C-alpha atoms as a PDB file:
ATOM      1  CA  MET A   1      -1.573   2.402  -0.991  1.00  0.00           C
ATOM      2  CA  ASP A   2      -3.473   0.504   1.681  1.00  0.00           C
ATOM      3  CA  ILE A   3      -3.203  -2.501   3.960  1.00  0.00           C
ATOM      4  CA  VAL A   4      -5.777  -5.303   3.939  1.00  0.00           C
ATOM      5  CA  GLY A   5      -6.177  -7.465   7.028  1.00  0.00           C
ATOM      6  CA  PRO A   6      -5.976  -9.102   9.405  1.00  0.00           C
ATOM      7  CA  LEU A   7      -6.619 -12.175   7.295  1.00  0.00           C
ATOM      8  CA  PRO A   8      -6.272 -15.871   8.207  1.00  0.00           C
ATOM      9  CA  GLU A   9      -2.613 -16.615   8.857  1.00  0.00           C
ATOM     10  CA  THR A  10      -0.627 -18.275   6.065  1.00  0.00           C
ATOM     11  CA  TYR A  11       1.893 -21.075   6.592  1.00  0.00           C
ATOM     12  CA  SER A  12       4.672 -18.482   6.625  1.00  0.00           C
ATOM     13  CA  GLY A  13       2.891 -16.412   9.297  1.00  0.00           C
ATOM     14  CA  ASN A  14       1.621 -13.566   7.125  1.00  0.00           C
ATOM     15  CA  ARG A  15      -1.718 -11.946   8.006  1.00  0.00           C
ATOM     16  CA  TYR A  16      -1.733  -8.657   6.062  1.00  0.00           C
ATOM     17  CA  ILE A  17      -1.456  -7.540   2.434  1.00  0.00           C
ATOM     18  CA  LEU A  18       0.149  -4.289   1.323  1.00  0.00           C
ATOM     19  CA  VAL A  19      -1.801  -3.135  -1.750  1.00  0.00           C
ATOM     20  CA  THR A  20      -0.373  -0.525  -4.101  1.00  0.00           C
ATOM     21  CA  SER A  21      -2.380   0.628  -7.096  1.00  0.00           C
ATOM     22  CA  GLU A  22      -1.220   2.826  -9.948  1.00  0.00           C
ATOM     23  CA  TYR A  23      -3.901   5.489 -10.436  1.00  0.00           C
ATOM     24  CA  ALA A  24      -4.050   5.793 -14.238  1.00  0.00           C
ATOM     25  CA  THR A  25      -3.841   2.124 -15.270  1.00  0.00           C
ATOM     26  CA  ARG A  26      -5.152   0.632 -11.992  1.00  0.00           C
ATOM     27  CA  TYR A  27      -2.287  -1.851 -12.023  1.00  0.00           C
ATOM     28  CA  ILE A  28      -2.190  -3.518  -8.601  1.00  0.00           C
ATOM     29  CA  ILE A  29       0.807  -4.799  -6.655  1.00  0.00           C
ATOM     30  CA  ALA A  30      -0.082  -6.901  -3.602  1.00  0.00           C
ATOM     31  CA  VAL A  31       2.552  -8.124  -1.145  1.00  0.00           C
ATOM     32  CA  ASP A  32       1.946 -10.246   1.951  1.00  0.00           C
ATOM     33  CA  MET A  33       3.294  -9.119   5.343  1.00  0.00           C
ATOM     34  CA  LYS A  34       3.432 -10.467   8.912  1.00  0.00           C
ATOM     35  CA  ASP A  35       2.148  -7.263  10.574  1.00  0.00           C
ATOM     36  CA  GLN A  36       1.210  -3.726   9.624  1.00  0.00           C
ATOM     37  CA  THR A  37       3.920  -1.619  11.221  1.00  0.00           C
ATOM     38  CA  ALA A  38       5.717   1.083   9.266  1.00  0.00           C
ATOM     39  CA  LYS A  39       8.999  -0.822   9.505  1.00  0.00           C
ATOM     40  CA  THR A  40       7.405  -3.981   8.080  1.00  0.00           C
ATOM     41  CA  GLU A  41       5.620  -2.179   5.247  1.00  0.00           C
ATOM     42  CA  SER A  42       8.595  -0.104   4.140  1.00  0.00           C
ATOM     43  CA  LYS A  43      10.653  -3.091   2.935  1.00  0.00           C
ATOM     44  CA  PRO A  44       7.987  -4.552   0.559  1.00  0.00           C
ATOM     45  CA  PHE A  45       7.222  -1.039  -0.692  1.00  0.00           C
ATOM     46  CA  ILE A  46      10.867  -0.388  -1.538  1.00  0.00           C
ATOM     47  CA  LEU A  47      11.521  -3.856  -3.024  1.00  0.00           C
ATOM     48  CA  ASN A  48       8.267  -4.326  -4.964  1.00  0.00           C
ATOM     49  CA  VAL A  49       7.423  -0.788  -6.039  1.00  0.00           C
ATOM     50  CA  ILE A  50      10.382   1.590  -5.997  1.00  0.00           C
ATOM     51  CA  LEU A  51      13.118  -0.821  -7.137  1.00  0.00           C
ATOM     52  CA  LYS A  52      10.950  -2.468  -9.823  1.00  0.00           C
ATOM     53  CA  TYR A  53       9.003   0.503 -11.210  1.00  0.00           C
ATOM     54  CA  SER A  54      10.891   3.594  -9.860  1.00  0.00           C
ATOM     55  CA  SER A  55       9.614   5.976  -7.246  1.00  0.00           C
ATOM     56  CA  PRO A  56       6.115   7.392  -7.647  1.00  0.00           C
ATOM     57  CA  LEU A  57       5.478  11.126  -7.702  1.00  0.00           C
ATOM     58  CA  GLN A  58       2.788  10.836  -5.059  1.00  0.00           C
ATOM     59  CA  ILE A  59       1.427   8.269  -2.590  1.00  0.00           C
ATOM     60  CA  LEU A  60      -2.215   8.427  -1.528  1.00  0.00           C
ATOM     61  CA  THR A  61      -3.032   6.610   1.706  1.00  0.00           C
ATOM     62  CA  ASP A  62      -5.748   6.680   4.309  1.00  0.00           C
ATOM     63  CA  GLN A  63      -4.938   8.232   7.677  1.00  0.00           C
ATOM     64  CA  GLY A  64      -3.809   4.936   9.220  1.00  0.00           C
ATOM     65  CA  ASN A  65      -1.167   5.056  11.926  1.00  0.00           C
ATOM     66  CA  ASN A  66       1.098   2.760   9.904  1.00  0.00           C
ATOM     67  CA  PHE A  67       1.494   5.346   7.096  1.00  0.00           C
ATOM     68  CA  MET A  68       2.156   8.415   9.255  1.00  0.00           C
ATOM     69  CA  PRO A  69       5.362   7.606  11.212  1.00  0.00           C
ATOM     70  CA  ASN A  70       8.711   9.176  10.499  1.00  0.00           C
ATOM     71  CA  LEU A  71       9.931   6.021   8.748  1.00  0.00           C
ATOM     72  CA  MET A  72       7.576   6.529   5.784  1.00  0.00           C
ATOM     73  CA  LYS A  73       8.501  10.224   5.687  1.00  0.00           C
ATOM     74  CA  ASP A  74      12.178   9.267   5.730  1.00  0.00           C
ATOM     75  CA  ILE A  75      11.563   7.106   2.640  1.00  0.00           C
ATOM     76  CA  CYS A  76       9.446   9.675   0.793  1.00  0.00           C
ATOM     77  CA  THR A  77      11.494  12.829   1.450  1.00  0.00           C
ATOM     78  CA  PRO A  78      14.805  11.899  -0.238  1.00  0.00           C
ATOM     79  CA  LEU A  79      12.957  10.440  -3.237  1.00  0.00           C
ATOM     80  CA  ASN A  80      10.748  13.543  -3.625  1.00  0.00           C
ATOM     81  CA  ILE A  81       7.563  11.513  -3.159  1.00  0.00           C
ATOM     82  CA  LYS A  82       4.608  13.588  -2.051  1.00  0.00           C
ATOM     83  CA  GLN A  83       2.693  11.720   0.658  1.00  0.00           C
ATOM     84  CA  THR A  84      -1.016  12.575   0.673  1.00  0.00           C
ATOM     85  CA  SER A  85      -3.648  11.182   3.000  1.00  0.00           C
ATOM     86  CA  ALA A  86      -7.382  11.067   2.400  1.00  0.00           C
ATOM     87  CA  ALA A  87     -10.255  10.356   4.742  1.00  0.00           C
ATOM     88  CA  ALA A  88     -10.574   6.608   5.264  1.00  0.00           C
ATOM     89  CA  SER A  89     -14.118   6.581   3.900  1.00  0.00           C
ATOM     90  CA  ILE A  90     -13.130   8.076   0.535  1.00  0.00           C
ATOM     91  CA  CYS A  91      -9.658   6.662   0.020  1.00  0.00           C
ATOM     92  CA  THR A  92      -9.342   5.979  -3.698  1.00  0.00           C
ATOM     93  CA  ALA A  93      -6.667   3.336  -3.148  1.00  0.00           C
ATOM     94  CA  LYS A  94      -9.100   1.191  -1.182  1.00  0.00           C
ATOM     95  CA  LEU A  95     -11.927   1.921  -3.662  1.00  0.00           C
ATOM     96  CA  CYS A  96      -9.752   0.979  -6.641  1.00  0.00           C
ATOM     97  CA  PHE A  97      -8.635  -2.251  -4.961  1.00  0.00           C
ATOM     98  CA  THR A  98     -12.243  -3.145  -4.140  1.00  0.00           C
ATOM     99  CA  ARG A  99     -13.373  -2.488  -7.715  1.00  0.00           C
ATOM    100  CA  ASN A 100     -10.556  -4.529  -9.244  1.00  0.00           C
ATOM    101  CA  THR A 101     -11.048  -7.554  -7.022  1.00  0.00           C
ATOM    102  CA  LYS A 102     -14.793  -8.036  -7.507  1.00  0.00           C
ATOM    103  CA  PRO A 103     -15.680 -11.269  -9.281  1.00  0.00           C
ATOM    104  CA  ARG A 104     -16.833 -10.698 -12.830  1.00  0.00           C
ATOM    105  CA  ASN A 105     -19.577 -12.584 -14.610  1.00  0.00           C
ATOM    106  CA  TYR A 106     -18.754 -13.338 -18.229  1.00  0.00           C
END
């Protein structure tokens, strides 16, 4: 899971994208957001990941301040989601997103 942005503002005022990627299939869920606070990111994560596909066993994030607050821990703990953080330079979530969004020449 990672956040992309800031990007140019949309008509609805969104500047960030919450990107969630399933590790095995590399299926990507991208949701636009107004800012990158933990409170703002928790709602799209719950609505677009947990309620649609069930709770994951583990979440891998970089060490960004938006993923570390108590709010994310309060979401993960009751659902038995293990929250793991990797160094920002080797975060597989960001690498997977980058690989899947490259233009392809056919």
